[in-house]
Every structure is written in C-alpha cells, then in structure tokens.
C-alpha atoms as a PDB file:
ATOM      1  CA  MET A   1    -200.465-344.850 199.473  1.00  0.00           C
ATOM      2  CA  THR A   2    -197.575-347.064 200.601  1.00  0.00           C
ATOM      3  CA  LEU A   3    -193.937-346.140 200.906  1.00  0.00           C
ATOM      4  CA  THR A   4    -191.820-348.154 198.500  1.00  0.00           C
ATOM      5  CA  ALA A   5    -188.601-349.808 199.627  1.00  0.00           C
ATOM      6  CA  PRO A   6    -185.310-348.017 199.051  1.00  0.00           C
ATOM      7  CA  ASP A   7    -183.539-348.760 195.797  1.00  0.00           C
ATOM      8  CA  MET A   8    -180.812-351.170 196.924  1.00  0.00           C
ATOM      9  CA  SER A   9    -179.078-350.893 193.550  1.00  0.00           C
ATOM     10  CA  ARG A  10    -177.614-347.622 194.877  1.00  0.00           C
ATOM     11  CA  ASP A  11    -174.763-348.053 197.333  1.00  0.00           C
ATOM     12  CA  ARG A  12    -175.633-345.912 200.342  1.00  0.00           C
ATOM     13  CA  ARG A  13    -171.945-345.495 201.194  1.00  0.00           C
ATOM     14  CA  ILE A  14    -171.392-343.187 198.227  1.00  0.00           C
ATOM     15  CA  GLU A  15    -174.735-341.343 198.107  1.00  0.00           C
ATOM     16  CA  ASP A  16    -175.094-337.673 198.904  1.00  0.00           C
ATOM     17  CA  PRO A  17    -176.632-337.417 202.429  1.00  0.00           C
ATOM     18  CA  THR A  18    -179.478-335.222 201.195  1.00  0.00           C
ATOM     19  CA  ASN A  19    -180.365-337.928 198.653  1.00  0.00           C
ATOM     20  CA  LEU A  20    -180.500-340.514 201.444  1.00  0.00           C
ATOM     21  CA  TRP A  21    -182.605-338.511 203.863  1.00  0.00           C
ATOM     22  CA  ILE A  22    -184.603-336.010 201.788  1.00  0.00           C
ATOM     23  CA  ILE A  23    -184.677-336.394 197.991  1.00  0.00           C
ATOM     24  CA  HIS A  24    -185.075-340.152 197.531  1.00  0.00           C
ATOM     25  CA  PRO A  25    -187.517-340.667 200.453  1.00  0.00           C
ATOM     26  CA  ALA A  26    -189.716-337.887 199.034  1.00  0.00           C
ATOM     27  CA  ALA A  27    -189.611-339.475 195.560  1.00  0.00           C
ATOM     28  CA  ARG A  28    -190.489-342.913 197.002  1.00  0.00           C
ATOM     29  CA  ARG A  29    -193.524-341.440 198.766  1.00  0.00           C
ATOM     30  CA  LEU A  30    -194.741-339.927 195.514  1.00  0.00           C
ATOM     31  CA  LEU A  31    -194.045-343.004 193.361  1.00  0.00           C
ATOM     32  CA  PRO A  32    -197.265-345.015 194.058  1.00  0.00           C
ATOM     33  CA  TRP A  33    -199.459-341.979 193.360  1.00  0.00           C
ATOM     34  CA  PHE A  34    -197.809-341.345 189.981  1.00  0.00           C
ATOM     35  CA  VAL A  35    -197.817-345.030 188.965  1.00  0.00           C
ATOM     36  CA  GLU A  36    -201.486-345.485 189.890  1.00  0.00           C
ATOM     37  CA  ARG A  37    -202.414-342.580 187.613  1.00  0.00           C
ATOM     38  CA  GLY A  38    -200.280-343.751 184.714  1.00  0.00           C
ATOM     39  CA  ILE A  39    -198.041-340.681 184.681  1.00  0.00           C
ATOM     40  CA  SER A  40    -194.986-341.533 182.590  1.00  0.00           C
ATOM     41  CA  ALA A  41    -191.342-341.085 183.510  1.00  0.00           C
ATOM     42  CA  ASN A  42    -190.877-338.707 180.559  1.00  0.00           C
ATOM     43  CA  ALA A  43    -193.777-336.556 181.782  1.00  0.00           C
ATOM     44  CA  VAL A  44    -192.121-336.316 185.198  1.00  0.00           C
ATOM     45  CA  SER A  45    -188.795-335.382 183.541  1.00  0.00           C
ATOM     46  CA  LEU A  46    -190.563-332.528 181.726  1.00  0.00           C
ATOM     47  CA  ALA A  47    -192.333-331.487 184.948  1.00  0.00           C
ATOM     48  CA  GLY A  48    -188.915-331.398 186.594  1.00  0.00           C
ATOM     49  CA  LEU A  49    -187.684-329.166 183.780  1.00  0.00           C
ATOM     50  CA  ALA A  50    -190.650-326.853 184.445  1.00  0.00           C
ATOM     51  CA  LEU A  51    -189.717-326.687 188.135  1.00  0.00           C
ATOM     52  CA  GLY A  52    -186.106-325.966 187.188  1.00  0.00           C
ATOM     53  CA  THR A  53    -187.247-323.244 184.772  1.00  0.00           C
ATOM     54  CA  SER A  54    -189.284-321.675 187.557  1.00  0.00           C
ATOM     55  CA  ALA A  55    -186.219-321.801 189.806  1.00  0.00           C
ATOM     56  CA  ALA A  56    -184.211-319.997 187.125  1.00  0.00           C
ATOM     57  CA  LEU A  57    -186.883-317.297 186.906  1.00  0.00           C
ATOM     58  CA  ALA A  58    -186.824-316.868 190.683  1.00  0.00           C
ATOM     59  CA  TYR A  59    -183.043-316.534 190.614  1.00  0.00           C
ATOM     60  CA  THR A  60    -183.265-313.602 188.203  1.00  0.00           C
ATOM     61  CA  GLN A  61    -184.215-311.668 191.351  1.00  0.00           C
ATOM     62  CA  TRP A  62    -181.740-313.370 193.660  1.00  0.00           C
ATOM     63  CA  LYS A  63    -181.074-310.098 195.509  1.00  0.00           C
ATOM     64  CA  ILE A  64    -184.553-310.445 197.050  1.00  0.00           C
ATOM     65  CA  TRP A  65    -183.946-313.100 199.689  1.00  0.00           C
ATOM     66  CA  PHE A  66    -187.360-314.780 199.578  1.00  0.00           C
ATOM     67  CA  LEU A  67    -187.100-315.197 195.785  1.00  0.00           C
ATOM     68  CA  ALA A  68    -183.640-316.750 196.211  1.00  0.00           C
ATOM     69  CA  PHE A  69    -185.227-319.079 198.778  1.00  0.00           C
ATOM     70  CA  ALA A  70    -188.028-319.860 196.299  1.00  0.00           C
ATOM     71  CA  GLY A  71    -185.305-320.703 193.763  1.00  0.00           C
ATOM     72  CA  LEU A  72    -183.839-323.169 196.267  1.00  0.00           C
ATOM     73  CA  LEU A  73    -187.199-324.826 197.002  1.00  0.00           C
ATOM     74  CA  LEU A  74    -188.061-325.128 193.311  1.00  0.00           C
ATOM     75  CA  SER A  75    -184.596-326.589 192.638  1.00  0.00           C
ATOM     76  CA  VAL A  76    -185.148-329.175 195.377  1.00  0.00           C
ATOM     77  CA  GLY A  77    -188.487-329.996 193.747  1.00  0.00           C
ATOM     78  CA  TRP A  78    -186.623-330.578 190.507  1.00  0.00           C
ATOM     79  CA  LEU A  79    -184.181-332.915 192.308  1.00  0.00           C
ATOM     80  CA  VAL A  80    -187.146-334.934 193.614  1.00  0.00           C
ATOM     81  CA  ALA A  81    -188.616-335.137 190.091  1.00  0.00           C
ATOM     82  CA  ASP A  82    -185.192-336.127 188.758  1.00  0.00           C
ATOM     83  CA  GLY A  83    -185.140-339.106 191.133  1.00  0.00           C
ATOM     84  CA  LEU A  84    -188.821-339.926 190.633  1.00  0.00           C
ATOM     85  CA  ASP A  85    -188.670-340.284 186.838  1.00  0.00           C
ATOM     86  CA  GLY A  86    -186.104-343.085 187.109  1.00  0.00           C
ATOM     87  CA  MET A  87    -188.141-344.827 189.804  1.00  0.00           C
ATOM     88  CA  ILE A  88    -191.243-344.711 187.580  1.00  0.00           C
ATOM     89  CA  ALA A  89    -189.301-346.073 184.588  1.00  0.00           C
ATOM     90  CA  ARG A  90    -187.986-349.001 186.658  1.00  0.00           C
ATOM     91  CA  ALA A  91    -191.330-349.684 188.357  1.00  0.00           C
ATOM     92  CA  THR A  92    -193.271-349.730 185.071  1.00  0.00           C
ATOM     93  CA  GLY A  93    -190.587-351.266 182.839  1.00  0.00           C
ATOM     94  CA  THR A  94    -190.707-348.258 180.510  1.00  0.00           C
ATOM     95  CA  ALA A  95    -187.033-347.255 180.489  1.00  0.00           C
ATOM     96  CA  SER A  96    -185.884-346.265 176.990  1.00  0.00           C
ATOM     97  CA  PRO A  97    -182.852-344.673 175.303  1.00  0.00           C
ATOM     98  CA  LEU A  98    -184.878-341.557 174.551  1.00  0.00           C
ATOM     99  CA  GLY A  99    -186.042-341.322 178.158  1.00  0.00           C
ATOM    100  CA  ARG A 100    -182.473-341.682 179.382  1.00  0.00           C
ATOM    101  CA  VAL A 101    -181.308-338.870 177.111  1.00  0.00           C
ATOM    102  CA  LEU A 102    -184.326-336.717 178.000  1.00  0.00           C
ATOM    103  CA  ASP A 103    -183.505-337.133 181.685  1.00  0.00           C
ATOM    104  CA  GLY A 104    -179.894-336.108 181.086  1.00  0.00           C
ATOM    105  CA  LEU A 105    -180.847-333.142 178.907  1.00  0.00           C
ATOM    106  CA  CYS A 106    -183.361-331.918 181.476  1.00  0.00           C
ATOM    107  CA  ASP A 107    -180.633-332.112 184.137  1.00  0.00           C
ATOM    108  CA  HIS A 108    -178.235-330.026 182.071  1.00  0.00           C
ATOM    109  CA  GLY A 109    -181.057-327.783 180.877  1.00  0.00           C
ATOM    110  CA  VAL A 110    -182.050-326.732 184.395  1.00  0.00           C
ATOM    111  CA  PHE A 111    -178.535-325.637 185.265  1.00  0.00           C
ATOM    112  CA  PHE A 112    -178.136-323.943 181.885  1.00  0.00           C
ATOM    113  CA  LEU A 113    -181.221-321.835 182.571  1.00  0.00           C
ATOM    114  CA  ILE A 114    -180.092-320.969 186.096  1.00  0.00           C
ATOM    115  CA  TYR A 115    -176.621-319.985 184.871  1.00  0.00           C
ATOM    116  CA  VAL A 116    -178.172-317.792 182.163  1.00  0.00           C
ATOM    117  CA  SER A 117    -180.569-316.132 184.617  1.00  0.00           C
ATOM    118  CA  LEU A 118    -177.721-315.327 187.005  1.00  0.00           C
ATOM    119  CA  ALA A 119    -175.557-313.994 184.165  1.00  0.00           C
ATOM    120  CA  PHE A 120    -178.425-311.763 183.007  1.00  0.00           C
ATOM    121  CA  SER A 121    -178.886-310.460 186.531  1.00  0.00           C
ATOM    122  CA  ILE A 122    -175.193-309.509 186.730  1.00  0.00           C
ATOM    123  CA  GLY A 123    -175.193-308.092 183.218  1.00  0.00           C
ATOM    124  CA  THR A 124    -171.452-307.818 182.638  1.00  0.00           C
ATOM    125  CA  LEU A 125    -169.147-309.464 180.102  1.00  0.00           C
ATOM    126  CA  GLU A 126    -167.104-310.883 182.966  1.00  0.00           C
ATOM    127  CA  GLY A 127    -170.247-312.443 184.434  1.00  0.00           C
ATOM    128  CA  TRP A 128    -171.158-314.079 181.108  1.00  0.00           C
ATOM    129  CA  ALA A 129    -167.596-315.359 180.653  1.00  0.00           C
ATOM    130  CA  LEU A 130    -167.672-316.951 184.110  1.00  0.00           C
ATOM    131  CA  ALA A 131    -171.094-318.477 183.438  1.00  0.00           C
ATOM    132  CA  VAL A 132    -169.970-320.036 180.143  1.00  0.00           C
ATOM    133  CA  ALA A 133    -166.719-321.375 181.604  1.00  0.00           C
ATOM    134  CA  ALA A 134    -168.544-322.804 184.630  1.00  0.00           C
ATOM    135  CA  GLY A 135    -171.189-324.358 182.366  1.00  0.00           C
ATOM    136  CA  ILE A 136    -168.554-326.180 180.313  1.00  0.00           C
ATOM    137  CA  ALA A 137    -166.825-327.361 183.497  1.00  0.00           C
ATOM    138  CA  HIS A 138    -170.193-328.526 184.827  1.00  0.00           C
ATOM    139  CA  MET A 139    -170.909-330.689 181.763  1.00  0.00           C
ATOM    140  CA  VAL A 140    -167.514-332.398 181.992  1.00  0.00           C
ATOM    141  CA  GLN A 141    -167.704-332.912 185.745  1.00  0.00           C
ATOM    142  CA  SER A 142    -171.269-334.222 185.702  1.00  0.00           C
ATOM    143  CA  ASN A 143    -170.643-336.632 182.814  1.00  0.00           C
ATOM    144  CA  MET A 144    -167.512-338.105 184.374  1.00  0.00           C
ATOM    145  CA  TYR A 145    -169.039-338.376 187.831  1.00  0.00           C
ATOM    146  CA  GLU A 146    -172.144-340.194 186.588  1.00  0.00           C
ATOM    147  CA  SER A 147    -169.962-342.485 184.472  1.00  0.00           C
ATOM    148  CA  GLU A 148    -167.746-343.329 187.459  1.00  0.00           C
ATOM    149  CA  ARG A 149    -170.751-343.923 189.705  1.00  0.00           C
ATOM    150  CA  ALA A 150    -172.346-346.315 187.196  1.00  0.00           C
ATOM    151  CA  ARG A 151    -169.002-348.098 186.841  1.00  0.00           C
ATOM    152  CA  PHE A 152    -168.695-348.456 190.623  1.00  0.00           C
ATOM    153  CA  HIS A 153    -172.171-350.005 190.977  1.00  0.00           C
ATOM    154  CA  ARG A 154    -171.584-352.414 188.090  1.00  0.00           C
ATOM    155  CA  ARG A 155    -168.268-353.620 189.491  1.00  0.00           C
ATOM    156  CA  ARG A 156    -169.611-353.828 193.039  1.00  0.00           C
ATOM    157  CA  ASN A 157    -171.997-356.457 191.677  1.00  0.00           C
ATOM    158  CA  ALA A 158    -169.039-358.322 190.068  1.00  0.00           C
ATOM    159  CA  VAL A 159    -170.183-357.427 186.549  1.00  0.00           C
ATOM    160  CA  ALA A 160    -167.091-357.067 184.398  1.00  0.00           C
ATOM    161  CA  THR A 161    -168.823-356.627 181.055  1.00  0.00           C
ATOM    162  CA  ILE A 162    -169.907-353.149 180.073  1.00  0.00           C
ATOM    163  CA  VAL A 163    -173.530-353.328 178.961  1.00  0.00           C
ATOM    164  CA  ARG A 164    -173.801-351.045 175.970  1.00  0.00           C
ATOM    165  CA  PRO A 165    -177.098-349.254 175.349  1.00  0.00           C
ATOM    166  CA  ALA A 166    -179.135-350.497 172.427  1.00  0.00           C
ATOM    167  CA  PRO A 167    -177.908-348.848 169.196  1.00  0.00           C
ATOM    168  CA  SER A 168    -179.929-345.833 168.169  1.00  0.00           C
ATOM    169  CA  ARG A 169    -180.219-343.913 164.919  1.00  0.00           C
ATOM    170  CA  ASN A 170    -180.951-340.756 166.844  1.00  0.00           C
ATOM    171  CA  PRO A 171    -177.764-338.629 166.603  1.00  0.00           C
ATOM    172  CA  LEU A 172    -178.552-337.006 169.954  1.00  0.00           C
ATOM    173  CA  VAL A 173    -178.681-340.403 171.668  1.00  0.00           C
ATOM    174  CA  GLN A 174    -175.484-341.464 169.901  1.00  0.00           C
ATOM    175  CA  LEU A 175    -173.635-338.347 171.071  1.00  0.00           C
ATOM    176  CA  TYR A 176    -174.916-338.789 174.622  1.00  0.00           C
ATOM    177  CA  ASP A 177    -173.833-342.444 174.740  1.00  0.00           C
ATOM    178  CA  TYR A 178    -170.403-341.642 173.306  1.00  0.00           C
ATOM    179  CA  SER A 179    -169.729-338.905 175.859  1.00  0.00           C
ATOM    180  CA  TRP A 180    -171.035-341.136 178.664  1.00  0.00           C
ATOM    181  CA  GLY A 181    -168.497-343.867 177.881  1.00  0.00           C
ATOM    182  CA  MET A 182    -165.396-341.700 177.459  1.00  0.00           C
ATOM    183  CA  LEU A 183    -163.671-343.216 180.507  1.00  0.00           C
ATOM    184  CA  ASP A 184    -164.451-346.829 179.605  1.00  0.00           C
ATOM    185  CA  ARG A 185    -161.220-347.328 177.657  1.00  0.00           C
ATOM    186  CA  VAL A 186    -159.102-345.848 180.447  1.00  0.00           C
ATOM    187  CA  ALA A 187    -160.760-348.035 183.083  1.00  0.00           C
ATOM    188  CA  ALA A 188    -160.897-351.206 180.966  1.00  0.00           C
ATOM    189  CA  ARG A 189    -157.846-352.849 182.572  1.00  0.00           C
ATOM    190  CA  PHE A 190    -159.649-353.519 185.838  1.00  0.00           C
ATOM    191  CA  ASP A 191    -162.750-354.832 184.047  1.00  0.00           C
ATOM    192  CA  GLN A 192    -160.530-357.310 182.188  1.00  0.00           C
ATOM    193  CA  ALA A 193    -158.925-358.412 185.464  1.00  0.00           C
ATOM    194  CA  LEU A 194    -162.343-358.801 187.084  1.00  0.00           C
ATOM    195  CA  GLY A 195    -163.527-360.920 184.158  1.00  0.00           C
ATOM    196  CA  ARG A 196    -160.485-363.228 184.423  1.00  0.00           C
ATOM    197  CA  HIS A 197    -160.409-363.536 188.208  1.00  0.00           C
ATOM    198  CA  PRO A 198    -161.267-366.988 189.631  1.00  0.00           C
ATOM    199  CA  ALA A 199    -163.300-365.388 192.441  1.00  0.00           C
ATOM    200  CA  PRO A 200    -164.809-362.243 190.898  1.00  0.00           C
ATOM    201  CA  SER A 201    -167.219-361.583 193.781  1.00  0.00           C
ATOM    202  CA  GLU A 202    -164.279-361.476 196.209  1.00  0.00           C
ATOM    203  CA  LEU A 203    -162.337-359.046 194.021  1.00  0.00           C
ATOM    204  CA  ALA A 204    -165.489-356.978 193.522  1.00  0.00           C
ATOM    205  CA  ALA A 205    -165.999-356.717 197.290  1.00  0.00           C
ATOM    206  CA  ARG A 206    -162.415-355.562 197.793  1.00  0.00           C
ATOM    207  CA  TYR A 207    -162.735-353.097 194.962  1.00  0.00           C
ATOM    208  CA  ALA A 208    -165.950-351.648 196.409  1.00  0.00           C
ATOM    209  CA  THR A 209    -164.362-351.247 199.843  1.00  0.00           C
ATOM    210  CA  LEU A 210    -161.382-349.335 198.438  1.00  0.00           C
ATOM    211  CA  ALA A 211    -163.326-347.353 195.827  1.00  0.00           C
ATOM    212  CA  VAL A 212    -165.802-345.935 198.343  1.00  0.00           C
ATOM    213  CA  ARG A 213    -163.319-343.212 199.293  1.00  0.00           C
ATOM    214  CA  PRO A 214    -162.883-341.657 195.818  1.00  0.00           C
ATOM    215  CA  MET A 215    -166.587-342.066 195.088  1.00  0.00           C
ATOM    216  CA  ARG A 216    -167.509-340.245 198.303  1.00  0.00           C
ATOM    217  CA  LEU A 217    -165.183-337.459 197.276  1.00  0.00           C
ATOM    218  CA  MET A 218    -166.731-337.302 193.811  1.00  0.00           C
ATOM    219  CA  SER A 219    -170.239-337.157 195.292  1.00  0.00           C
ATOM    220  CA  LEU A 220    -169.430-333.461 195.808  1.00  0.00           C
ATOM    221  CA  LEU A 221    -169.914-333.200 192.033  1.00  0.00           C
ATOM    222  CA  SER A 222    -173.588-334.148 192.345  1.00  0.00           C
ATOM    223  CA  ALA A 223    -176.424-331.852 191.309  1.00  0.00           C
ATOM    224  CA  ASN A 224    -177.447-331.579 194.969  1.00  0.00           C
ATOM    225  CA  VAL A 225    -174.243-329.823 195.966  1.00  0.00           C
ATOM    226  CA  ARG A 226    -174.581-327.350 193.093  1.00  0.00           C
ATOM    227  CA  VAL A 227    -178.192-326.561 194.029  1.00  0.00           C
ATOM    228  CA  TYR A 228    -177.210-325.637 197.578  1.00  0.00           C
ATOM    229  CA  ALA A 229    -174.043-323.808 196.476  1.00  0.00           C
ATOM    230  CA  ILE A 230    -176.023-321.602 194.073  1.00  0.00           C
ATOM    231  CA  PHE A 231    -178.416-320.617 196.854  1.00  0.00           C
ATOM    232  CA  LEU A 232    -175.612-319.880 199.318  1.00  0.00           C
ATOM    233  CA  ALA A 233    -173.728-317.766 196.764  1.00  0.00           C
ATOM    234  CA  CYS A 234    -176.883-315.706 196.158  1.00  0.00           C
ATOM    235  CA  LEU A 235    -177.529-315.464 199.896  1.00  0.00           C
ATOM    236  CA  PHE A 236    -174.009-314.059 200.325  1.00  0.00           C
ATOM    237  CA  GLY A 237    -174.770-311.524 197.602  1.00  0.00           C
ATOM    238  CA  ASN A 238    -172.495-312.729 194.798  1.00  0.00           C
ATOM    239  CA  PRO A 239    -173.422-315.540 192.337  1.00  0.00           C
ATOM    240  CA  ARG A 240    -169.865-315.357 191.018  1.00  0.00           C
ATOM    241  CA  LEU A 241    -168.823-317.264 194.147  1.00  0.00           C
ATOM    242  CA  PHE A 242    -170.671-320.303 192.802  1.00  0.00           C
ATOM    243  CA  TRP A 243    -169.018-320.119 189.404  1.00  0.00           C
ATOM    244  CA  TRP A 244    -165.562-319.888 190.970  1.00  0.00           C
ATOM    245  CA  PHE A 245    -166.543-322.841 193.170  1.00  0.00           C
ATOM    246  CA  GLU A 246    -167.414-324.738 189.980  1.00  0.00           C
ATOM    247  CA  LEU A 247    -164.205-323.772 188.204  1.00  0.00           C
ATOM    248  CA  ILE A 248    -161.620-324.338 190.945  1.00  0.00           C
ATOM    249  CA  PRO A 249    -162.661-326.579 193.891  1.00  0.00           C
ATOM    250  CA  LEU A 250    -164.964-328.852 191.853  1.00  0.00           C
ATOM    251  CA  ASN A 251    -162.380-329.318 189.094  1.00  0.00           C
ATOM    252  CA  ILE A 252    -159.778-330.201 191.734  1.00  0.00           C
ATOM    253  CA  ILE A 253    -162.228-332.698 193.246  1.00  0.00           C
ATOM    254  CA  LEU A 254    -162.821-334.233 189.805  1.00  0.00           C
ATOM    255  CA  ILE A 255    -159.098-334.653 189.140  1.00  0.00           C
ATOM    256  CA  LEU A 256    -158.398-336.086 192.610  1.00  0.00           C
ATOM    257  CA  GLY A 257    -161.387-338.435 192.402  1.00  0.00           C
ATOM    258  CA  LEU A 258    -160.391-339.781 188.989  1.00  0.00           C
ATOM    259  CA  PHE A 259    -156.781-340.219 190.122  1.00  0.00           C
ATOM    260  CA  GLN A 260    -157.778-342.038 193.323  1.00  0.00           C
ATOM    261  CA  HIS A 261    -160.200-344.307 191.447  1.00  0.00           C
ATOM    262  CA  ARG A 262    -157.572-345.242 188.847  1.00  0.00           C
ATOM    263  CA  THR A 263    -155.083-345.854 191.698  1.00  0.00           C
ATOM    264  CA  VAL A 264    -157.495-348.312 193.288  1.00  0.00           C
ATOM    265  CA  GLU A 265    -157.905-350.103 189.968  1.00  0.00           C
ATOM    266  CA  ASN A 266    -154.143-350.286 189.407  1.00  0.00           C
ATOM    267  CA  CYS A 267    -153.517-351.638 192.899  1.00  0.00           C
ATOM    268  CA  LEU A 268    -155.999-354.434 192.316  1.00  0.00           C
ATOM    269  CA  THR A 269    -154.599-355.407 188.928  1.00  0.00           C
ATOM    270  CA  VAL A 270    -150.953-355.852 190.022  1.00  0.00           C
ATOM    271  CA  PRO A 271    -150.571-359.636 190.546  1.00  0.00           C
ATOM    272  CA  GLY A 272    -149.447-360.480 194.035  1.00  0.00           C
ATOM    273  CA  LYS A 273    -148.675-356.943 195.125  1.00  0.00           C
ATOM    274  CA  TYR A 274    -151.727-356.383 197.285  1.00  0.00           C
ATOM    275  CA  PHE A 275    -153.781-359.544 196.896  1.00  0.00           C
ATOM    276  CA  PRO A 276    -151.655-362.638 196.258  1.00  0.00           C
ATOM    277  CA  GLU A 277    -154.558-364.738 195.037  1.00  0.00           C
ATOM    278  CA  ILE A 278    -154.730-362.642 191.866  1.00  0.00           C
ATOM    279  CA  LYS A 279    -151.705-364.669 190.776  1.00  0.00           C
ATOM    280  CA  GLY A 280    -154.114-367.474 190.097  1.00  0.00           C
ATOM    281  CA  SER A 281    -156.086-365.484 187.581  1.00  0.00           C
ATOM    282  CA  LYS A 282    -156.631-367.123 184.254  1.00  0.00           C
ATOM    283  CA  LYS A 283    -154.658-365.871 181.293  1.00  0.00           C
END
C-alpha cells in the first residue's frame, strides 16, 4: 500500500496544523486500501457519521475520563473519514452534488449529536439553551469559513469566475448551495477586478500573500479546533465552557476574519493606492 502525495490544491499556509501532520497523512495512508476495494466516498461519509455518533454516545458519560478520551479518539477518527471521503471522490472521479451535501450534513450531524449528548448529560434548561445557541453559531461560522477558504484557493489560482455547482432539483442541495454562496455577492468586487486585471496571476499572488493572515485566523473555526475544545471542556469538568467558547471567542474570530479578508480585497481594488499597475486594468 503506497502513500499518496499530499493534495497540493490545499494551501498549507492556511491549514490547521493537525490537518497537516495527523489527519490528512492518516487519510492518505488509508486511501489506496479503500480505492482498491471499491469503497465509495459516500460510504466513508456514512462511516464517519457512525464514528461521530459513537463519539456522541461516549460523551454522554464525559465525567468518566476514559470515556471522554474515547469520545476524542472517535472524533479524530471521524475527522480522518471526513478528509478521506473527499480524497476518494477525487481519486475515482465520483464527486457529485449529493455526495457534497451528504459530506456537509454528516459534518453538521456529528456536532449536532455531540451537542445533544452533552445537553442531556447536563439536563438543565440553561444547558439546552446554550447548546442550541452554540449550534446555530456553529452552522454560521462553519459555512462562512468553508466559503472563505474555497474563495481563497480559487483566487490563489487566479480564477476570477465563480464555478457554480450543477443545478439540482433536490431542495436540500439547493438550500445547501444557496447558504454556501451567501458571501459571494459581498466579495464580488475583487473577483471583478481580478477578471479585468492585465496580469491576473500577479494580482492573485499578492492577494494570496495578504489573505493568508485572515485565513490563518479563521482556521480556528475548523472542525478540528472544536473537537479538541469539546474534549478539554469535558476534561475540565464543564461542557458549558465549550459552548461559551463557541458563542464568544469563535464569533469574534469570525467577525475579525471576515473584516480582515474584506480589507485585503478593498486594498487590492483601489487603483494606484497600493499597486500602481492596477491603473492599467481594462474597463
């Protein structure tokens, strides 16, 4: 079984360190075995959901330290499966709108189950209120972060045009695609400037250099950080600490990251202010 090469479509400068050194290497080691046996990306997504469900069950007894630790290990297994399903889809050419939505729903589903299990274990109205509020914040943060990360990678490659997913009659897919692209209209000004620029690859390189900072900040909104934060909150004896972490620090990080990213875009679309050659852009 050979180790596949890293996915160079992901910019290592903005990746979570545990993705670089643990999650993605583990998924790459597993990839040949799964491909050789014809195991589909969707099957791996569902297996990841099963691992996440098991983690949620373990966290119902988070006061017992070894079960909290089991919850962490099972959650890490889900993260590996979450990376592996995309690798299988790309390696086998089987990516589909339904698979993309299934992957996203499994991601949200795992956290939903963990939040519910922790709320049940606390058993108070205040605990449920915190869980619901944190869950809503999580959905917004995760959607915007993934949207910004996809936007960064597209622009880094000097691609100004937003590639829309193939239209689907499935209302679930339509809703997912609509929520995914909520920031497109706000960020469109830079895409238009990139499309008009006489040297788009040069502007793209400058954009990527400046946008690394907000994207690194927003990497704190990744699923990895939440997985470890949940475990630490349980280890310290109070899952509420995680929900407050979700509601206050992570929302602040989201707002700062979005503001910094839009600032980068605005700087690069002011003719002559930062990069004089933009004056030569075509009208």
